[in-house]
PDB file of N, CA and C in Angstrom:
ATOM      1  N   UNK A   1      87.877 121.413-151.442  1.00  0.00           N
ATOM      2  CA  UNK A   1      87.257 120.119-151.864  1.00  0.00           C
ATOM      3  C   UNK A   1      85.734 120.399-151.613  1.00  0.00           C
ATOM      4  N   UNK A   2      85.096 119.552-152.487  1.00  0.00           N
ATOM      5  CA  UNK A   2      83.422 119.524-152.343  1.00  0.00           C
ATOM      6  C   UNK A   2      83.076 118.556-151.019  1.00  0.00           C
ATOM      7  N   UNK A   3      81.800 118.517-150.721  1.00  0.00           N
ATOM      8  CA  UNK A   3      81.354 117.711-149.753  1.00  0.00           C
ATOM      9  C   UNK A   3      81.535 116.082-150.415  1.00  0.00           C
ATOM     10  N   UNK A   4      81.965 115.154-149.469  1.00  0.00           N
ATOM     11  CA  UNK A   4      81.972 113.891-150.173  1.00  0.00           C
ATOM     12  C   UNK A   4      80.818 113.137-149.456  1.00  0.00           C
ATOM     13  N   UNK A   5      80.511 112.101-150.261  1.00  0.00           N
ATOM     14  CA  UNK A   5      79.478 111.064-149.886  1.00  0.00           C
ATOM     15  C   UNK A   5      79.952 109.722-149.906  1.00  0.00           C
ATOM     16  N   UNK A   6      80.144 108.896-148.900  1.00  0.00           N
ATOM     17  CA  UNK A   6      80.849 107.771-148.501  1.00  0.00           C
ATOM     18  C   UNK A   6      79.602 106.589-148.608  1.00  0.00           C
ATOM     19  N   UNK A   7      79.853 105.247-148.999  1.00  0.00           N
ATOM     20  CA  UNK A   7      80.900 104.995-149.583  1.00  0.00           C
ATOM     21  C   UNK A   7      81.435 105.584-151.078  1.00  0.00           C
ATOM     22  N   UNK A   8      82.431 105.227-151.450  1.00  0.00           N
ATOM     23  CA  UNK A   8      83.060 105.735-152.690  1.00  0.00           C
ATOM     24  C   UNK A   8      83.680 104.225-153.477  1.00  0.00           C
ATOM     25  N   UNK A   9      82.845 103.972-154.508  1.00  0.00           N
ATOM     26  CA  UNK A   9      83.344 102.565-155.131  1.00  0.00           C
ATOM     27  C   UNK A   9      84.287 103.009-156.185  1.00  0.00           C
ATOM     28  N   UNK A  10      85.324 102.489-156.637  1.00  0.00           N
ATOM     29  CA  UNK A  10      86.242 102.494-157.656  1.00  0.00           C
ATOM     30  C   UNK A  10      86.877 101.402-157.917  1.00  0.00           C
ATOM     31  N   UNK A  11      87.653 101.318-158.967  1.00  0.00           N
ATOM     32  CA  UNK A  11      88.718 100.200-159.146  1.00  0.00           C
ATOM     33  C   UNK A  11      90.009 100.963-159.880  1.00  0.00           C
ATOM     34  N   UNK A  12      91.112 100.117-159.652  1.00  0.00           N
ATOM     35  CA  UNK A  12      92.141 100.461-160.263  1.00  0.00           C
ATOM     36  C   UNK A  12      92.264 100.139-161.553  1.00  0.00           C
ATOM     37  N   UNK A  13      92.898 101.003-162.557  1.00  0.00           N
ATOM     38  CA  UNK A  13      93.148 101.035-163.628  1.00  0.00           C
ATOM     39  C   UNK A  13      93.611  99.793-164.243  1.00  0.00           C
ATOM     40  N   UNK A  14      92.875  98.880-165.207  1.00  0.00           N
ATOM     41  CA  UNK A  14      93.330  97.464-165.377  1.00  0.00           C
ATOM     42  C   UNK A  14      92.411  96.477-164.805  1.00  0.00           C
ATOM     43  N   UNK A  15      91.457  96.813-163.803  1.00  0.00           N
ATOM     44  CA  UNK A  15      90.686  96.094-163.314  1.00  0.00           C
ATOM     45  C   UNK A  15      91.234  95.148-162.365  1.00  0.00           C
ATOM     46  N   UNK A  16      92.427  95.007-161.678  1.00  0.00           N
ATOM     47  CA  UNK A  16      93.016  94.127-160.873  1.00  0.00           C
ATOM     48  C   UNK A  16      92.296  94.111-159.588  1.00  0.00           C
ATOM     49  N   UNK A  17      91.666  95.303-158.969  1.00  0.00           N
ATOM     50  CA  UNK A  17      91.276  95.456-157.780  1.00  0.00           C
ATOM     51  C   UNK A  17      90.135  96.364-157.923  1.00  0.00           C
ATOM     52  N   UNK A  18      89.123  96.276-157.006  1.00  0.00           N
ATOM     53  CA  UNK A  18      87.927  96.868-156.899  1.00  0.00           C
ATOM     54  C   UNK A  18      88.140  97.249-155.321  1.00  0.00           C
ATOM     55  N   UNK A  19      87.534  98.645-155.229  1.00  0.00           N
ATOM     56  CA  UNK A  19      87.658  99.047-153.898  1.00  0.00           C
ATOM     57  C   UNK A  19      86.264  99.601-153.197  1.00  0.00           C
ATOM     58  N   UNK A  20      86.155  99.560-152.003  1.00  0.00           N
ATOM     59  CA  UNK A  20      85.002 100.463-151.298  1.00  0.00           C
ATOM     60  C   UNK A  20      85.730 101.405-150.341  1.00  0.00           C
ATOM     61  N   UNK A  21      85.617 102.594-150.479  1.00  0.00           N
ATOM     62  CA  UNK A  21      86.022 103.566-149.532  1.00  0.00           C
ATOM     63  C   UNK A  21      85.328 103.876-148.467  1.00  0.00           C
ATOM     64  N   UNK A  22      85.168 103.523-147.428  1.00  0.00           N
ATOM     65  CA  UNK A  22      84.185 103.737-146.500  1.00  0.00           C
ATOM     66  C   UNK A  22      84.310 105.138-145.703  1.00  0.00           C
ATOM     67  N   UNK A  23      85.427 105.666-145.642  1.00  0.00           N
ATOM     68  CA  UNK A  23      85.659 106.988-145.162  1.00  0.00           C
ATOM     69  C   UNK A  23      86.946 107.525-145.448  1.00  0.00           C
ATOM     70  N   UNK A  24      87.483 108.688-145.022  1.00  0.00           N
ATOM     71  CA  UNK A  24      88.819 109.061-145.413  1.00  0.00           C
ATOM     72  C   UNK A  24      89.932 108.302-144.770  1.00  0.00           C
ATOM     73  N   UNK A  25      89.721 107.198-143.876  1.00  0.00           N
ATOM     74  CA  UNK A  25      90.700 106.527-143.289  1.00  0.00           C
ATOM     75  C   UNK A  25      90.360 105.013-143.162  1.00  0.00           C
ATOM     76  N   UNK A  26      89.351 104.602-144.115  1.00  0.00           N
ATOM     77  CA  UNK A  26      89.155 102.981-144.160  1.00  0.00           C
ATOM     78  C   UNK A  26      88.491 102.721-145.391  1.00  0.00           C
ATOM     79  N   UNK A  27      89.001 101.533-145.799  1.00  0.00           N
ATOM     80  CA  UNK A  27      88.701 101.006-147.183  1.00  0.00           C
ATOM     81  C   UNK A  27      88.793  99.528-147.286  1.00  0.00           C
ATOM     82  N   UNK A  28      87.990  99.087-148.320  1.00  0.00           N
ATOM     83  CA  UNK A  28      88.158  97.516-148.411  1.00  0.00           C
ATOM     84  C   UNK A  28      88.588  97.166-149.828  1.00  0.00           C
ATOM     85  N   UNK A  29      89.483  96.527-150.002  1.00  0.00           N
ATOM     86  CA  UNK A  29      89.899  96.127-151.253  1.00  0.00           C
ATOM     87  C   UNK A  29      89.892  94.729-151.602  1.00  0.00           C
ATOM     88  N   UNK A  30      88.964  94.493-152.884  1.00  0.00           N
ATOM     89  CA  UNK A  30      88.811  93.199-153.309  1.00  0.00           C
ATOM     90  C   UNK A  30      90.098  92.998-154.704  1.00  0.00           C
ATOM     91  N   UNK A  31      90.781  92.351-154.379  1.00  0.00           N
ATOM     92  CA  UNK A  31      91.944  91.948-155.239  1.00  0.00           C
ATOM     93  C   UNK A  31      91.657  90.742-156.155  1.00  0.00           C
ATOM     94  N   UNK A  32      91.622  90.997-157.327  1.00  0.00           N
ATOM     95  CA  UNK A  32      91.266  89.842-158.187  1.00  0.00           C
ATOM     96  C   UNK A  32      92.451  88.746-158.512  1.00  0.00           C
ATOM     97  N   UNK A  33      92.197  87.623-158.050  1.00  0.00           N
ATOM     98  CA  UNK A  33      93.310  86.545-158.356  1.00  0.00           C
ATOM     99  C   UNK A  33      92.518  85.460-159.123  1.00  0.00           C
ATOM    100  N   UNK A  34      92.956  85.446-160.196  1.00  0.00           N
ATOM    101  CA  UNK A  34      92.563  84.386-161.370  1.00  0.00           C
ATOM    102  C   UNK A  34      90.909  84.898-161.593  1.00  0.00           C
ATOM    103  N   UNK A  35      89.932  84.146-161.390  1.00  0.00           N
ATOM    104  CA  UNK A  35      88.508  84.646-161.473  1.00  0.00           C
ATOM    105  C   UNK A  35      87.875  84.811-160.041  1.00  0.00           C
ATOM    106  N   UNK A  36      88.546  84.845-158.887  1.00  0.00           N
ATOM    107  CA  UNK A  36      88.063  85.009-157.693  1.00  0.00           C
ATOM    108  C   UNK A  36      88.754  86.556-157.316  1.00  0.00           C
ATOM    109  N   UNK A  37      88.121  86.910-156.263  1.00  0.00           N
ATOM    110  CA  UNK A  37      88.574  88.221-155.151  1.00  0.00           C
ATOM    111  C   UNK A  37      88.949  87.433-153.990  1.00  0.00           C
ATOM    112  N   UNK A  38      90.043  88.543-153.598  1.00  0.00           N
ATOM    113  CA  UNK A  38      90.569  88.200-152.255  1.00  0.00           C
ATOM    114  C   UNK A  38      90.392  89.481-151.635  1.00  0.00           C
ATOM    115  N   UNK A  39      89.869  89.546-150.402  1.00  0.00           N
ATOM    116  CA  UNK A  39      89.457  90.867-149.469  1.00  0.00           C
ATOM    117  C   UNK A  39      90.477  91.263-148.670  1.00  0.00           C
ATOM    118  N   UNK A  40      90.643  92.422-148.654  1.00  0.00           N
ATOM    119  CA  UNK A  40      91.975  93.077-147.642  1.00  0.00           C
ATOM    120  C   UNK A  40      91.085  94.404-147.349  1.00  0.00           C
ATOM    121  N   UNK A  41      91.327  94.438-145.735  1.00  0.00           N
ATOM    122  CA  UNK A  41      90.814  95.619-145.215  1.00  0.00           C
ATOM    123  C   UNK A  41      91.817  96.513-144.718  1.00  0.00           C
ATOM    124  N   UNK A  42      91.816  97.871-144.978  1.00  0.00           N
ATOM    125  CA  UNK A  42      92.698  98.888-144.600  1.00  0.00           C
ATOM    126  C   UNK A  42      92.201 100.183-143.535  1.00  0.00           C
ATOM    127  N   UNK A  43      92.663 100.266-142.461  1.00  0.00           N
ATOM    128  CA  UNK A  43      92.339 101.245-141.512  1.00  0.00           C
ATOM    129  C   UNK A  43      93.592 102.078-141.762  1.00  0.00           C
ATOM    130  N   UNK A  44      93.680 103.225-142.091  1.00  0.00           N
ATOM    131  CA  UNK A  44      94.703 104.064-142.415  1.00  0.00           C
ATOM    132  C   UNK A  44      95.214 104.697-141.142  1.00  0.00           C
ATOM    133  N   UNK A  45      96.407 104.304-140.561  1.00  0.00           N
ATOM    134  CA  UNK A  45      96.989 104.849-139.277  1.00  0.00           C
ATOM    135  C   UNK A  45      98.227 105.644-139.515  1.00  0.00           C
ATOM    136  N   UNK A  46      98.967 105.447-140.527  1.00  0.00           N
ATOM    137  CA  UNK A  46     100.124 106.061-140.856  1.00  0.00           C
ATOM    138  C   UNK A  46     100.105 106.796-141.979  1.00  0.00           C
ATOM    139  N   UNK A  47     100.947 107.962-142.269  1.00  0.00           N
ATOM    140  CA  UNK A  47     100.707 109.011-143.015  1.00  0.00           C
ATOM    141  C   UNK A  47     100.673 108.359-144.490  1.00  0.00           C
ATOM    142  N   UNK A  48     101.701 107.067-144.896  1.00  0.00           N
ATOM    143  CA  UNK A  48     101.664 107.024-146.333  1.00  0.00           C
ATOM    144  C   UNK A  48     100.176 106.195-146.554  1.00  0.00           C
ATOM    145  N   UNK A  49      99.486 105.523-145.759  1.00  0.00           N
ATOM    146  CA  UNK A  49      98.258 105.145-145.791  1.00  0.00           C
ATOM    147  C   UNK A  49      97.300 105.909-145.857  1.00  0.00           C
ATOM    148  N   UNK A  50      97.200 106.963-145.100  1.00  0.00           N
ATOM    149  CA  UNK A  50      96.461 108.255-145.250  1.00  0.00           C
ATOM    150  C   UNK A  50      96.525 109.040-146.431  1.00  0.00           C
ATOM    151  N   UNK A  51      97.749 109.073-146.869  1.00  0.00           N
ATOM    152  CA  UNK A  51      97.967 109.608-148.316  1.00  0.00           C
ATOM    153  C   UNK A  51      97.581 108.910-149.494  1.00  0.00           C
ATOM    154  N   UNK A  52      97.377 107.838-149.474  1.00  0.00           N
ATOM    155  CA  UNK A  52      97.137 106.806-150.530  1.00  0.00           C
ATOM    156  C   UNK A  52      95.721 106.843-150.427  1.00  0.00           C
ATOM    157  N   UNK A  53      95.053 106.915-149.556  1.00  0.00           N
ATOM    158  CA  UNK A  53      93.405 107.200-149.535  1.00  0.00           C
ATOM    159  C   UNK A  53      92.945 108.196-149.779  1.00  0.00           C
ATOM    160  N   UNK A  54      93.800 109.412-149.514  1.00  0.00           N
ATOM    161  CA  UNK A  54      93.369 110.723-150.052  1.00  0.00           C
ATOM    162  C   UNK A  54      93.582 110.612-151.679  1.00  0.00           C
ATOM    163  N   UNK A  55      94.622 109.983-152.032  1.00  0.00           N
ATOM    164  CA  UNK A  55      94.966 110.141-153.606  1.00  0.00           C
ATOM    165  C   UNK A  55      93.793 109.449-153.933  1.00  0.00           C
ATOM    166  N   UNK A  56      93.325 108.291-153.574  1.00  0.00           N
ATOM    167  CA  UNK A  56      92.105 107.316-154.293  1.00  0.00           C
ATOM    168  C   UNK A  56      91.167 108.184-154.226  1.00  0.00           C
ATOM    169  N   UNK A  57      90.520 108.861-153.204  1.00  0.00           N
ATOM    170  CA  UNK A  57      89.505 109.496-152.989  1.00  0.00           C
ATOM    171  C   UNK A  57      89.362 110.878-154.017  1.00  0.00           C
ATOM    172  N   UNK A  58      90.432 111.380-154.306  1.00  0.00           N
ATOM    173  CA  UNK A  58      90.801 112.357-155.400  1.00  0.00           C
ATOM    174  C   UNK A  58      91.051 111.693-156.862  1.00  0.00           C
ATOM    175  N   UNK A  59      90.946 110.609-156.767  1.00  0.00           N
ATOM    176  CA  UNK A  59      91.303 110.031-158.039  1.00  0.00           C
ATOM    177  C   UNK A  59      92.570 110.573-158.928  1.00  0.00           C
ATOM    178  N   UNK A  60      93.728 110.629-158.250  1.00  0.00           N
ATOM    179  CA  UNK A  60      95.032 111.275-158.452  1.00  0.00           C
ATOM    180  C   UNK A  60      95.521 110.865-159.842  1.00  0.00           C
ATOM    181  N   UNK A  61      95.585 111.424-160.832  1.00  0.00           N
ATOM    182  CA  UNK A  61      95.985 111.113-162.174  1.00  0.00           C
ATOM    183  C   UNK A  61      95.076 109.850-162.986  1.00  0.00           C
ATOM    184  N   UNK A  62      93.803 109.864-162.432  1.00  0.00           N
ATOM    185  CA  UNK A  62      92.894 109.036-163.017  1.00  0.00           C
ATOM    186  C   UNK A  62      93.187 107.480-162.786  1.00  0.00           C
ATOM    187  N   UNK A  63      93.937 107.247-161.575  1.00  0.00           N
ATOM    188  CA  UNK A  63      94.308 106.011-161.589  1.00  0.00           C
ATOM    189  C   UNK A  63      93.113 105.138-160.964  1.00  0.00           C
ATOM    190  N   UNK A  64      92.354 105.786-160.072  1.00  0.00           N
ATOM    191  CA  UNK A  64      91.165 104.798-159.541  1.00  0.00           C
ATOM    192  C   UNK A  64      89.921 105.181-160.070  1.00  0.00           C
ATOM    193  N   UNK A  65      89.499 104.914-161.326  1.00  0.00           N
ATOM    194  CA  UNK A  65      88.196 105.835-161.493  1.00  0.00           C
ATOM    195  C   UNK A  65      86.873 105.150-160.789  1.00  0.00           C
ATOM    196  N   UNK A  66      85.957 106.132-160.594  1.00  0.00           N
ATOM    197  CA  UNK A  66      84.855 105.682-160.065  1.00  0.00           C
ATOM    198  C   UNK A  66      84.075 104.641-160.921  1.00  0.00           C
ATOM    199  N   UNK A  67      83.147 103.678-159.934  1.00  0.00           N
ATOM    200  CA  UNK A  67      82.294 102.601-160.724  1.00  0.00           C
ATOM    201  C   UNK A  67      80.964 103.214-159.787  1.00  0.00           C
ATOM    202  N   UNK A  68      79.999 102.414-160.418  1.00  0.00           N
ATOM    203  CA  UNK A  68      78.851 102.322-159.646  1.00  0.00           C
ATOM    204  C   UNK A  68      78.670 101.593-158.713  1.00  0.00           C
ATOM    205  N   UNK A  69      77.789 101.567-157.829  1.00  0.00           N
ATOM    206  CA  UNK A  69      77.613 100.348-156.813  1.00  0.00           C
ATOM    207  C   UNK A  69      77.212  99.097-157.398  1.00  0.00           C
ATOM    208  N   UNK A  70      76.296  99.279-158.220  1.00  0.00           N
ATOM    209  CA  UNK A  70      75.647  98.083-159.135  1.00  0.00           C
ATOM    210  C   UNK A  70      76.884  97.527-160.128  1.00  0.00           C
ATOM    211  N   UNK A  71      77.756  98.171-160.450  1.00  0.00           N
ATOM    212  CA  UNK A  71      78.988  97.711-161.412  1.00  0.00           C
ATOM    213  C   UNK A  71      79.920  96.900-160.306  1.00  0.00           C
ATOM    214  N   UNK A  72      80.257  97.361-159.264  1.00  0.00           N
ATOM    215  CA  UNK A  72      80.717  96.851-157.920  1.00  0.00           C
ATOM    216  C   UNK A  72      80.304  95.553-157.530  1.00  0.00           C
ATOM    217  N   UNK A  73      78.878  95.489-157.326  1.00  0.00           N
ATOM    218  CA  UNK A  73      78.340  94.387-156.763  1.00  0.00           C
ATOM    219  C   UNK A  73      78.324  93.368-157.909  1.00  0.00           C
ATOM    220  N   UNK A  74      78.046  93.558-159.410  1.00  0.00           N
ATOM    221  CA  UNK A  74      78.057  92.802-160.386  1.00  0.00           C
ATOM    222  C   UNK A  74      79.323  92.035-160.903  1.00  0.00           C
ATOM    223  N   UNK A  75      80.422  92.757-160.422  1.00  0.00           N
ATOM    224  CA  UNK A  75      81.953  92.112-160.374  1.00  0.00           C
ATOM    225  C   UNK A  75      81.866  90.991-159.334  1.00  0.00           C
ATOM    226  N   UNK A  76      81.433  91.567-157.981  1.00  0.00           N
ATOM    227  CA  UNK A  76      81.687  90.612-157.103  1.00  0.00           C
ATOM    228  C   UNK A  76      80.689  89.279-157.367  1.00  0.00           C
ATOM    229  N   UNK A  77      79.550  89.444-158.051  1.00  0.00           N
ATOM    230  CA  UNK A  77      78.873  88.409-158.002  1.00  0.00           C
ATOM    231  C   UNK A  77      79.211  87.356-159.006  1.00  0.00           C
ATOM    232  N   UNK A  78      79.926  87.911-159.850  1.00  0.00           N
ATOM    233  CA  UNK A  78      80.337  87.339-161.216  1.00  0.00           C
ATOM    234  C   UNK A  78      81.671  86.393-160.772  1.00  0.00           C
ATOM    235  N   UNK A  79      82.459  87.052-159.559  1.00  0.00           N
ATOM    236  CA  UNK A  79      83.582  86.127-159.339  1.00  0.00           C
ATOM    237  C   UNK A  79      83.104  85.027-158.321  1.00  0.00           C
ATOM    238  N   UNK A  80      81.727  85.023-157.791  1.00  0.00           N
ATOM    239  CA  UNK A  80      81.358  84.154-156.883  1.00  0.00           C
ATOM    240  C   UNK A  80      80.950  82.651-157.732  1.00  0.00           C
ATOM    241  N   UNK A  81      80.507  83.038-159.175  1.00  0.00           N
ATOM    242  CA  UNK A  81      80.271  81.893-159.782  1.00  0.00           C
ATOM    243  C   UNK A  81      81.339  80.859-160.337  1.00  0.00           C
TER     244      UNK A  81
END
């Protein structure tokens, strides 16, 4: 695996959630509910959580495409209006 630079910004296919991956063991999810986002923080402490974060970092099966920091911030800003 090549050297990773954090944070990584990504979204789930379909756009229901956007994520900031802070490190191999920590992320923040912004789940779209209607026109707003709900924030969820995850610190991976158990194997399934660590596996999920690894899959997201690797973009397994292209489920979590990368987005730019600008796109990420724009989506959050639009939800605040």
